Amino acid sequence: MHPLPHRYTVSATCRAEGDVVLDGERLPSLPSDAPEEFDGPGDRWSPETLLVAAVADCYALTFRAVARAAKLPWLALWCEVEGTLDRIERATRFTAFRVRARLQVPPGTPEEQARRLMEKAEQACLITNSLKASCHLDATVESVGA
């Protein structure tokens, strides 16, 4: 890892109508628009879906790093995040994120160790640690293989 602090810069470009185009250094452009719930087309990534995606992506990448450090053998991780947007004290904000994670491990892998590492990944996720909303993890471990 590079020394901290890290800086990440993204630009957003738009006109009065149409997509917002998100750009970052060495990254492909990403079209964005309001979600259907905010009278957008609903067929583009939106700030809301991007934030929820950031929680899912960070959890997956953090678990990968934690599992690698612990030398845990694993086959696949599936992660679904549901973000709840609500109005609290006259401010619209995300109030909760539910992380549903299912881990597939080879036979003989200690399932309790796998579950502990899944929980450790949730606690170490820098995205959820940066948000005001609470974050909840539903972890499932499946043994898969011959």
Protein backbone atom coordinates (compact mmCIF):
# COMPACT_ATOMS: atom_id res chain seq x y z
CA MET A 1 0.00 0.00 0.00
CA HIS A 2 1.16 3.52 -0.74
CA PRO A 3 1.68 5.88 2.20
CA LEU A 4 -1.40 7.76 3.40
CA PRO A 5 -3.11 10.08 2.75
CA HIS A 6 -4.47 8.88 -0.61
CA ARG A 7 -6.36 11.27 -2.88
CA TYR A 8 -9.02 10.22 -5.42
CA THR A 9 -10.38 12.69 -7.94
CA VAL A 10 -13.45 12.18 -10.10
CA SER A 11 -15.02 14.74 -12.39
CA ALA A 12 -18.67 15.00 -13.39
CA THR A 13 -19.72 16.74 -16.59
CA CYS A 14 -23.30 17.37 -17.67
CA ARG A 15 -25.70 19.63 -19.52
CA ALA A 16 -29.21 20.70 -18.59
CA GLU A 17 -30.58 17.38 -19.92
CA GLY A 18 -29.08 13.93 -20.37
CA ASP A 19 -26.38 11.92 -18.69
CA VAL A 20 -23.82 13.10 -16.21
CA VAL A 21 -20.48 11.71 -17.37
CA LEU A 22 -18.12 10.64 -14.60
CA ASP A 23 -14.40 10.50 -15.35
CA GLY A 24 -11.36 9.55 -13.34
CA GLU A 25 -7.71 9.33 -14.27
CA ARG A 26 -7.00 6.13 -16.26
CA LEU A 27 -10.66 5.03 -15.87
CA PRO A 28 -13.36 4.59 -18.51
CA SER A 29 -16.10 7.23 -18.58
CA LEU A 30 -19.27 6.24 -16.75
CA PRO A 31 -22.69 7.67 -17.65
CA SER A 32 -24.90 8.50 -14.69
CA ASP A 33 -28.39 9.88 -14.22
CA ALA A 34 -31.03 10.18 -11.53
CA PRO A 35 -32.70 6.94 -10.46
CA GLU A 36 -36.34 6.29 -11.23
CA GLU A 37 -37.26 7.24 -7.65
CA PHE A 38 -36.03 10.78 -8.41
CA ASP A 39 -37.80 10.92 -11.79
CA GLY A 40 -34.75 9.79 -13.74
CA PRO A 41 -34.73 7.12 -16.45
CA GLY A 42 -33.66 4.40 -14.02
CA ASP A 43 -31.38 2.73 -16.58
CA ARG A 44 -28.10 4.37 -15.58
CA TRP A 45 -25.83 4.25 -12.57
CA SER A 46 -26.89 7.00 -10.17
CA PRO A 47 -25.21 8.55 -7.13
CA GLU A 48 -27.39 6.28 -5.00
CA THR A 49 -26.51 3.06 -6.83
CA LEU A 50 -22.85 4.08 -7.05
CA LEU A 51 -22.71 4.56 -3.28
CA VAL A 52 -24.31 1.17 -2.64
CA ALA A 53 -21.96 -0.36 -5.23
CA ALA A 54 -19.00 1.21 -3.41
CA VAL A 55 -20.08 -0.57 -0.21
CA ALA A 56 -20.33 -3.93 -2.05
CA ASP A 57 -17.05 -3.45 -3.92
CA CYS A 58 -15.17 -2.36 -0.81
CA TYR A 59 -16.50 -5.30 1.19
CA ALA A 60 -15.41 -7.77 -1.52
CA LEU A 61 -11.95 -6.24 -1.90
CA THR A 62 -11.47 -5.98 1.86
CA PHE A 63 -12.49 -9.62 2.33
CA ARG A 64 -10.03 -10.67 -0.38
CA ALA A 65 -7.21 -8.86 1.45
CA VAL A 66 -8.22 -10.20 4.88
CA ALA A 67 -8.53 -13.78 3.58
CA ARG A 68 -5.18 -13.53 1.81
CA ALA A 69 -3.48 -12.30 4.99
CA ALA A 70 -5.07 -15.16 6.99
CA LYS A 71 -4.24 -17.71 4.25
CA LEU A 72 -7.90 -18.79 4.15
CA PRO A 73 -8.69 -21.00 1.15
CA TRP A 74 -11.88 -19.88 -0.58
CA LEU A 75 -13.52 -20.27 -3.97
CA ALA A 76 -16.02 -17.45 -4.46
CA LEU A 77 -17.70 -14.59 -2.66
CA TRP A 78 -21.13 -13.29 -3.55
CA CYS A 79 -22.14 -9.99 -2.01
CA GLU A 80 -25.39 -8.05 -2.33
CA VAL A 81 -25.89 -4.70 -0.63
CA GLU A 82 -29.21 -3.00 -0.04
CA GLY A 83 -29.04 0.67 0.87
CA THR A 84 -32.01 2.34 2.54
CA LEU A 85 -32.60 6.00 1.69
CA ASP A 86 -34.97 7.85 3.99
CA ARG A 87 -35.77 11.29 5.33
CA ILE A 88 -34.46 11.90 8.85
CA GLU A 89 -34.73 15.27 10.57
CA ARG A 90 -35.53 17.05 7.29
CA ALA A 91 -32.49 15.55 5.52
CA THR A 92 -32.63 12.81 2.90
CA ARG A 93 -29.81 10.36 3.53
CA PHE A 94 -28.90 6.71 3.61
CA THR A 95 -29.92 5.33 6.98
CA ALA A 96 -28.69 1.74 6.63
CA PHE A 97 -26.79 -0.69 4.43
CA ARG A 98 -27.50 -4.41 4.61
CA VAL A 99 -24.63 -6.53 3.30
CA ARG A 100 -25.61 -10.07 2.37
CA ALA A 101 -22.45 -12.06 1.77
CA ARG A 102 -22.13 -15.73 0.86
CA LEU A 103 -18.71 -17.34 0.82
CA GLN A 104 -17.92 -20.64 -0.87
CA VAL A 105 -15.01 -22.57 0.59
CA PRO A 106 -13.44 -25.94 -0.23
CA PRO A 107 -14.31 -28.91 2.00
CA GLY A 108 -12.36 -28.96 5.24
CA THR A 109 -12.08 -25.18 5.48
CA PRO A 110 -12.85 -24.07 9.05
CA GLU A 111 -16.23 -22.38 8.66
CA GLU A 112 -15.93 -20.46 11.94
CA GLN A 113 -12.63 -18.93 10.78
CA ALA A 114 -14.24 -18.01 7.45
CA ARG A 115 -17.16 -16.32 9.22
CA ARG A 116 -14.77 -14.40 11.53
CA LEU A 117 -12.84 -13.14 8.50
CA MET A 118 -16.09 -12.07 6.82
CA GLU A 119 -16.94 -10.08 9.94
CA LYS A 120 -13.43 -8.63 10.06
CA ALA A 121 -13.83 -7.46 6.45
CA GLU A 122 -17.05 -5.67 7.37
CA GLN A 123 -15.35 -3.92 10.29
CA ALA A 124 -12.34 -2.93 8.16
CA CYS A 125 -14.27 -1.66 5.10
CA LEU A 126 -13.12 1.91 4.61
CA ILE A 127 -16.26 2.92 2.73
CA THR A 128 -18.70 1.92 5.48
CA ASN A 129 -16.30 3.31 8.07
CA SER A 130 -16.59 6.63 6.22
CA LEU A 131 -20.40 6.78 6.24
CA LYS A 132 -22.87 7.94 8.89
CA ALA A 133 -25.35 5.17 8.12
CA SER A 134 -25.18 1.94 10.03
CA CYS A 135 -23.93 -1.11 8.18
CA HIS A 136 -25.16 -4.64 8.85
CA LEU A 137 -23.68 -7.89 7.58
CA ASP A 138 -25.59 -11.13 6.90
CA ALA A 139 -22.82 -13.67 6.32
CA THR A 140 -23.30 -17.16 4.86
CA VAL A 141 -20.53 -19.72 4.34
CA GLU A 142 -21.04 -22.64 1.95
CA SER A 143 -18.73 -25.62 1.60
CA VAL A 144 -18.52 -26.50 -2.11
CA GLY A 145 -16.60 -29.27 -3.83
CA ALA A 146 -15.97 -32.97 -3.95
